């Protein structure tokens, strides 16, 4: 088996290169198919990413609209609170009515501020405020606090009278005392 022997050369060189060429084709064929599949999956992934981007953009738009709505509602609440503070400081008697009228005044003019709305309301509807103007007489109607105090004083007087009538009726057993107690109790009910 010499170097020049065709059997040996063909076996080693030819068999090795022939077998090696088929093996290389077998190993290179799957990566080329993998690249095609990778290219397909990359395009699919790109489409999925685009749909995800569209979905997220729609969510962003929705959240921005919700934020704008919430900010507008917060602005209205803040304005209402400021109006309530201004009206309380000005001595508004009926705060709810005064706030509604002041809000109406604010919505009718764009340049109006809560201070100017309260001033305008105080000038146009002085009966909504405790001290209705500079140097004018106070309201002929008693304040709610005065009414409550008078009712409490009257209730304690009535309760004292009822208690004393009950004690008298129980102590004496007199029918007249019992009738006075029952009449007082009926009047308080």
C-alpha atoms as a PDB file:
ATOM      1  CA  UNK A   1       0.000   0.000   0.000  1.00  0.00           C
ATOM      2  CA  UNK A   2       2.091   2.650  -1.273  1.00  0.00           C
ATOM      3  CA  UNK A   3       1.405   6.274  -1.439  1.00  0.00           C
ATOM      4  CA  UNK A   4       0.358   6.151  -4.966  1.00  0.00           C
ATOM      5  CA  UNK A   5      -2.013   3.251  -4.514  1.00  0.00           C
ATOM      6  CA  UNK A   6      -5.333   4.317  -5.868  1.00  0.00           C
ATOM      7  CA  UNK A   7      -7.345   2.275  -3.372  1.00  0.00           C
ATOM      8  CA  UNK A   8      -5.797   3.879  -0.405  1.00  0.00           C
ATOM      9  CA  UNK A   9      -6.022   7.419  -1.704  1.00  0.00           C
ATOM     10  CA  UNK A  10      -9.542   6.965  -2.845  1.00  0.00           C
ATOM     11  CA  UNK A  11     -10.479   5.449   0.465  1.00  0.00           C
ATOM     12  CA  UNK A  12      -8.891   8.087   2.604  1.00  0.00           C
ATOM     13  CA  UNK A  13      -9.186  11.179   0.441  1.00  0.00           C
ATOM     14  CA  UNK A  14     -12.258  10.379  -1.590  1.00  0.00           C
ATOM     15  CA  UNK A  15     -14.183   8.696   1.147  1.00  0.00           C
ATOM     16  CA  UNK A  16     -13.360  11.401   3.625  1.00  0.00           C
ATOM     17  CA  UNK A  17     -14.147  14.293   1.362  1.00  0.00           C
ATOM     18  CA  UNK A  18     -17.215  12.635  -0.081  1.00  0.00           C
ATOM     19  CA  UNK A  19     -18.563  11.713   3.316  1.00  0.00           C
ATOM     20  CA  UNK A  20     -17.549  15.062   4.750  1.00  0.00           C
ATOM     21  CA  UNK A  21     -19.393  16.933   1.973  1.00  0.00           C
ATOM     22  CA  UNK A  22     -22.650  15.125   2.673  1.00  0.00           C
ATOM     23  CA  UNK A  23     -22.262  15.761   6.401  1.00  0.00           C
ATOM     24  CA  UNK A  24     -21.675  19.476   5.805  1.00  0.00           C
ATOM     25  CA  UNK A  25     -24.809  19.703   3.672  1.00  0.00           C
ATOM     26  CA  UNK A  26     -26.814  17.972   6.392  1.00  0.00           C
ATOM     27  CA  UNK A  27     -25.529  20.369   9.060  1.00  0.00           C
ATOM     28  CA  UNK A  28     -25.949  23.509   6.943  1.00  0.00           C
ATOM     29  CA  UNK A  29     -29.468  22.687   5.732  1.00  0.00           C
ATOM     30  CA  UNK A  30     -31.226  23.007   9.109  1.00  0.00           C
ATOM     31  CA  UNK A  31     -29.693  26.417   9.914  1.00  0.00           C
ATOM     32  CA  UNK A  32     -30.964  27.789   6.580  1.00  0.00           C
ATOM     33  CA  UNK A  33     -34.436  26.454   7.419  1.00  0.00           C
ATOM     34  CA  UNK A  34     -34.029  27.902  10.944  1.00  0.00           C
ATOM     35  CA  UNK A  35     -33.231  31.296   9.439  1.00  0.00           C
ATOM     36  CA  UNK A  36     -36.431  31.195   7.390  1.00  0.00           C
ATOM     37  CA  UNK A  37     -38.407  30.170  10.432  1.00  0.00           C
ATOM     38  CA  UNK A  38     -36.598  32.834  12.474  1.00  0.00           C
ATOM     39  CA  UNK A  39     -37.424  35.388   9.782  1.00  0.00           C
ATOM     40  CA  UNK A  40     -41.079  34.335   9.870  1.00  0.00           C
ATOM     41  CA  UNK A  41     -41.207  34.442  13.623  1.00  0.00           C
ATOM     42  CA  UNK A  42     -39.442  37.828  13.565  1.00  0.00           C
ATOM     43  CA  UNK A  43     -42.128  39.208  11.220  1.00  0.00           C
ATOM     44  CA  UNK A  44     -44.802  37.644  13.411  1.00  0.00           C
ATOM     45  CA  UNK A  45     -43.144  39.161  16.464  1.00  0.00           C
ATOM     46  CA  UNK A  46     -43.045  42.516  14.703  1.00  0.00           C
ATOM     47  CA  UNK A  47     -46.782  42.269  13.953  1.00  0.00           C
ATOM     48  CA  UNK A  48     -47.463  41.310  17.574  1.00  0.00           C
ATOM     49  CA  UNK A  49     -45.365  44.248  18.718  1.00  0.00           C
ATOM     50  CA  UNK A  50     -47.268  46.598  16.415  1.00  0.00           C
ATOM     51  CA  UNK A  51     -50.622  45.373  17.747  1.00  0.00           C
ATOM     52  CA  UNK A  52     -49.296  45.724  21.300  1.00  0.00           C
ATOM     53  CA  UNK A  53     -48.157  49.270  20.494  1.00  0.00           C
ATOM     54  CA  UNK A  54     -51.600  50.103  19.098  1.00  0.00           C
ATOM     55  CA  UNK A  55     -53.267  48.660  22.199  1.00  0.00           C
ATOM     56  CA  UNK A  56     -50.964  50.552  24.526  1.00  0.00           C
ATOM     57  CA  UNK A  57     -51.468  53.785  22.561  1.00  0.00           C
ATOM     58  CA  UNK A  58     -55.253  53.352  22.895  1.00  0.00           C
ATOM     59  CA  UNK A  59     -54.823  52.815  26.644  1.00  0.00           C
ATOM     60  CA  UNK A  60     -52.649  55.930  26.865  1.00  0.00           C
ATOM     61  CA  UNK A  61     -55.300  57.984  25.071  1.00  0.00           C
ATOM     62  CA  UNK A  62     -57.980  56.605  27.409  1.00  0.00           C
ATOM     63  CA  UNK A  63     -55.880  57.353  30.482  1.00  0.00           C
ATOM     64  CA  UNK A  64     -55.154  60.876  29.237  1.00  0.00           C
ATOM     65  CA  UNK A  65     -58.902  61.459  28.773  1.00  0.00           C
ATOM     66  CA  UNK A  66     -59.582  60.109  32.279  1.00  0.00           C
ATOM     67  CA  UNK A  67     -56.853  62.345  33.662  1.00  0.00           C
ATOM     68  CA  UNK A  68     -58.297  65.403  31.929  1.00  0.00           C
ATOM     69  CA  UNK A  69     -61.763  64.582  33.287  1.00  0.00           C
ATOM     70  CA  UNK A  70     -60.383  64.092  36.798  1.00  0.00           C
ATOM     71  CA  UNK A  71     -58.437  67.357  36.608  1.00  0.00           C
ATOM     72  CA  UNK A  72     -61.552  69.238  35.484  1.00  0.00           C
ATOM     73  CA  UNK A  73     -63.584  67.719  38.328  1.00  0.00           C
ATOM     74  CA  UNK A  74     -60.836  68.593  40.790  1.00  0.00           C
ATOM     75  CA  UNK A  75     -60.776  72.173  39.497  1.00  0.00           C
ATOM     76  CA  UNK A  76     -64.538  72.464  39.994  1.00  0.00           C
ATOM     77  CA  UNK A  77     -64.307  71.049  43.517  1.00  0.00           C
ATOM     78  CA  UNK A  78     -61.471  73.395  44.347  1.00  0.00           C
ATOM     79  CA  UNK A  79     -63.469  76.374  43.034  1.00  0.00           C
ATOM     80  CA  UNK A  80     -66.542  75.301  45.019  1.00  0.00           C
ATOM     81  CA  UNK A  81     -64.471  74.967  48.181  1.00  0.00           C
ATOM     82  CA  UNK A  82     -62.963  78.400  47.657  1.00  0.00           C
ATOM     83  CA  UNK A  83     -66.442  79.862  47.098  1.00  0.00           C
ATOM     84  CA  UNK A  84     -67.695  78.222  50.297  1.00  0.00           C
ATOM     85  CA  UNK A  85     -64.800  79.703  52.283  1.00  0.00           C
ATOM     86  CA  UNK A  86     -65.366  83.159  50.789  1.00  0.00           C
ATOM     87  CA  UNK A  87     -69.110  83.011  51.443  1.00  0.00           C
ATOM     88  CA  UNK A  88     -68.616  81.821  55.025  1.00  0.00           C
ATOM     89  CA  UNK A  89     -66.187  84.675  55.620  1.00  0.00           C
ATOM     90  CA  UNK A  90     -68.726  87.107  54.130  1.00  0.00           C
ATOM     91  CA  UNK A  91     -71.391  85.820  56.534  1.00  0.00           C
ATOM     92  CA  UNK A  92     -73.692  83.868  54.231  1.00  0.00           C
ATOM     93  CA  UNK A  93     -76.800  82.634  56.036  1.00  0.00           C
ATOM     94  CA  UNK A  94     -77.840  79.968  53.511  1.00  0.00           C
ATOM     95  CA  UNK A  95     -74.529  78.621  52.259  1.00  0.00           C
ATOM     96  CA  UNK A  96     -75.915  76.161  49.685  1.00  0.00           C
ATOM     97  CA  UNK A  97     -78.071  78.762  47.958  1.00  0.00           C
ATOM     98  CA  UNK A  98     -75.266  81.309  48.039  1.00  0.00           C
ATOM     99  CA  UNK A  99     -72.808  78.805  46.538  1.00  0.00           C
ATOM    100  CA  UNK A 100     -75.219  77.897  43.732  1.00  0.00           C
ATOM    101  CA  UNK A 101     -75.855  81.554  42.898  1.00  0.00           C
ATOM    102  CA  UNK A 102     -72.131  82.352  43.020  1.00  0.00           C
ATOM    103  CA  UNK A 103     -71.351  79.385  40.741  1.00  0.00           C
ATOM    104  CA  UNK A 104     -74.007  80.615  38.334  1.00  0.00           C
ATOM    105  CA  UNK A 105     -72.388  84.039  38.372  1.00  0.00           C
ATOM    106  CA  UNK A 106     -68.956  82.504  37.749  1.00  0.00           C
ATOM    107  CA  UNK A 107     -70.193  80.409  34.829  1.00  0.00           C
ATOM    108  CA  UNK A 108     -71.910  83.371  33.173  1.00  0.00           C
ATOM    109  CA  UNK A 109     -68.749  85.494  33.060  1.00  0.00           C
ATOM    110  CA  UNK A 110     -65.344  84.116  32.148  1.00  0.00           C
ATOM    111  CA  UNK A 111     -63.276  86.798  33.898  1.00  0.00           C
ATOM    112  CA  UNK A 112     -65.069  86.511  37.252  1.00  0.00           C
ATOM    113  CA  UNK A 113     -63.174  85.368  40.322  1.00  0.00           C
ATOM    114  CA  UNK A 114     -64.692  83.919  43.502  1.00  0.00           C
ATOM    115  CA  UNK A 115     -64.052  87.225  45.291  1.00  0.00           C
ATOM    116  CA  UNK A 116     -65.888  89.233  42.657  1.00  0.00           C
ATOM    117  CA  UNK A 117     -68.728  86.686  42.542  1.00  0.00           C
ATOM    118  CA  UNK A 118     -69.201  86.951  46.327  1.00  0.00           C
ATOM    119  CA  UNK A 119     -69.089  90.761  46.174  1.00  0.00           C
ATOM    120  CA  UNK A 120     -71.624  90.803  43.347  1.00  0.00           C
ATOM    121  CA  UNK A 121     -73.878  88.332  45.176  1.00  0.00           C
ATOM    122  CA  UNK A 122     -73.674  90.336  48.386  1.00  0.00           C
ATOM    123  CA  UNK A 123     -74.695  93.486  46.516  1.00  0.00           C
ATOM    124  CA  UNK A 124     -77.517  91.856  44.532  1.00  0.00           C
ATOM    125  CA  UNK A 125     -78.908  89.583  47.282  1.00  0.00           C
ATOM    126  CA  UNK A 126     -78.073  91.076  50.680  1.00  0.00           C
ATOM    127  CA  UNK A 127     -80.672  88.955  52.462  1.00  0.00           C
ATOM    128  CA  UNK A 128     -78.392  85.931  52.019  1.00  0.00           C
ATOM    129  CA  UNK A 129     -75.852  87.467  54.402  1.00  0.00           C
ATOM    130  CA  UNK A 130     -75.909  88.142  58.152  1.00  0.00           C
ATOM    131  CA  UNK A 131     -74.979  91.786  58.049  1.00  0.00           C
ATOM    132  CA  UNK A 132     -76.601  92.940  54.882  1.00  0.00           C
ATOM    133  CA  UNK A 133     -74.606  95.994  54.007  1.00  0.00           C
ATOM    134  CA  UNK A 134     -72.591  98.833  55.431  1.00  0.00           C
ATOM    135  CA  UNK A 135     -74.437 100.590  58.242  1.00  0.00           C
ATOM    136  CA  UNK A 136     -77.812  99.035  57.482  1.00  0.00           C
ATOM    137  CA  UNK A 137     -80.007  97.565  60.164  1.00  0.00           C
ATOM    138  CA  UNK A 138     -79.661  93.937  61.044  1.00  0.00           C
ATOM    139  CA  UNK A 139     -82.187  91.428  59.825  1.00  0.00           C
ATOM    140  CA  UNK A 140     -85.557  91.436  61.621  1.00  0.00           C
ATOM    141  CA  UNK A 141     -85.413  87.646  61.741  1.00  0.00           C
ATOM    142  CA  UNK A 142     -83.596  85.933  64.586  1.00  0.00           C
ATOM    143  CA  UNK A 143     -80.464  84.015  63.698  1.00  0.00           C
ATOM    144  CA  UNK A 144     -80.561  80.217  63.696  1.00  0.00           C
ATOM    145  CA  UNK A 145     -78.360  80.176  66.791  1.00  0.00           C
ATOM    146  CA  UNK A 146     -80.785  82.443  68.684  1.00  0.00           C
ATOM    147  CA  UNK A 147     -83.707  80.203  67.724  1.00  0.00           C
ATOM    148  CA  UNK A 148     -81.869  77.105  68.972  1.00  0.00           C
ATOM    149  CA  UNK A 149     -80.968  78.779  72.254  1.00  0.00           C
ATOM    150  CA  UNK A 150     -84.572  79.903  72.827  1.00  0.00           C
ATOM    151  CA  UNK A 151     -85.888  76.415  72.088  1.00  0.00           C
ATOM    152  CA  UNK A 152     -83.387  74.823  74.475  1.00  0.00           C
ATOM    153  CA  UNK A 153     -84.311  77.255  77.261  1.00  0.00           C
ATOM    154  CA  UNK A 154     -88.018  76.630  76.679  1.00  0.00           C
ATOM    155  CA  UNK A 155     -87.445  72.860  76.670  1.00  0.00           C
ATOM    156  CA  UNK A 156     -85.600  72.932  79.996  1.00  0.00           C
ATOM    157  CA  UNK A 157     -88.368  75.087  81.517  1.00  0.00           C
ATOM    158  CA  UNK A 158     -90.984  72.639  80.258  1.00  0.00           C
ATOM    159  CA  UNK A 159     -88.971  69.672  81.457  1.00  0.00           C
ATOM    160  CA  UNK A 160     -88.662  71.233  84.908  1.00  0.00           C
ATOM    161  CA  UNK A 161     -92.404  71.880  85.054  1.00  0.00           C
ATOM    162  CA  UNK A 162     -93.160  68.337  83.884  1.00  0.00           C
ATOM    163  CA  UNK A 163     -90.790  66.828  86.441  1.00  0.00           C
ATOM    164  CA  UNK A 164     -92.252  68.864  89.287  1.00  0.00           C
ATOM    165  CA  UNK A 165     -95.839  67.974  88.233  1.00  0.00           C
ATOM    166  CA  UNK A 166     -94.887  64.282  88.127  1.00  0.00           C
ATOM    167  CA  UNK A 167     -93.326  64.491  91.587  1.00  0.00           C
ATOM    168  CA  UNK A 168     -96.390  66.281  92.982  1.00  0.00           C
ATOM    169  CA  UNK A 169     -98.805  63.713  91.463  1.00  0.00           C
ATOM    170  CA  UNK A 170     -96.745  60.807  92.802  1.00  0.00           C
ATOM    171  CA  UNK A 171     -96.310  62.297  96.270  1.00  0.00           C
ATOM    172  CA  UNK A 172     -99.905  63.431  96.870  1.00  0.00           C
ATOM    173  CA  UNK A 173    -101.903  60.978  94.792  1.00  0.00           C
ATOM    174  CA  UNK A 174    -104.248  63.882  94.003  1.00  0.00           C
ATOM    175  CA  UNK A 175    -106.284  63.504  90.806  1.00  0.00           C
ATOM    176  CA  UNK A 176    -105.878  67.218  89.969  1.00  0.00           C
ATOM    177  CA  UNK A 177    -102.073  66.922  90.190  1.00  0.00           C
ATOM    178  CA  UNK A 178    -102.183  63.841  87.975  1.00  0.00           C
ATOM    179  CA  UNK A 179    -104.313  65.688  85.383  1.00  0.00           C
ATOM    180  CA  UNK A 180    -101.892  68.672  85.376  1.00  0.00           C
ATOM    181  CA  UNK A 181     -98.984  66.248  84.803  1.00  0.00           C
ATOM    182  CA  UNK A 182    -100.793  64.484  81.956  1.00  0.00           C
ATOM    183  CA  UNK A 183    -101.707  67.821  80.294  1.00  0.00           C
ATOM    184  CA  UNK A 184     -98.069  69.017  80.459  1.00  0.00           C
ATOM    185  CA  UNK A 185     -96.859  65.746  79.013  1.00  0.00           C
ATOM    186  CA  UNK A 186     -99.368  65.979  76.140  1.00  0.00           C
ATOM    187  CA  UNK A 187     -98.304  69.585  75.382  1.00  0.00           C
ATOM    188  CA  UNK A 188     -94.630  68.576  75.093  1.00  0.00           C
ATOM    189  CA  UNK A 189     -95.316  65.668  72.751  1.00  0.00           C
END
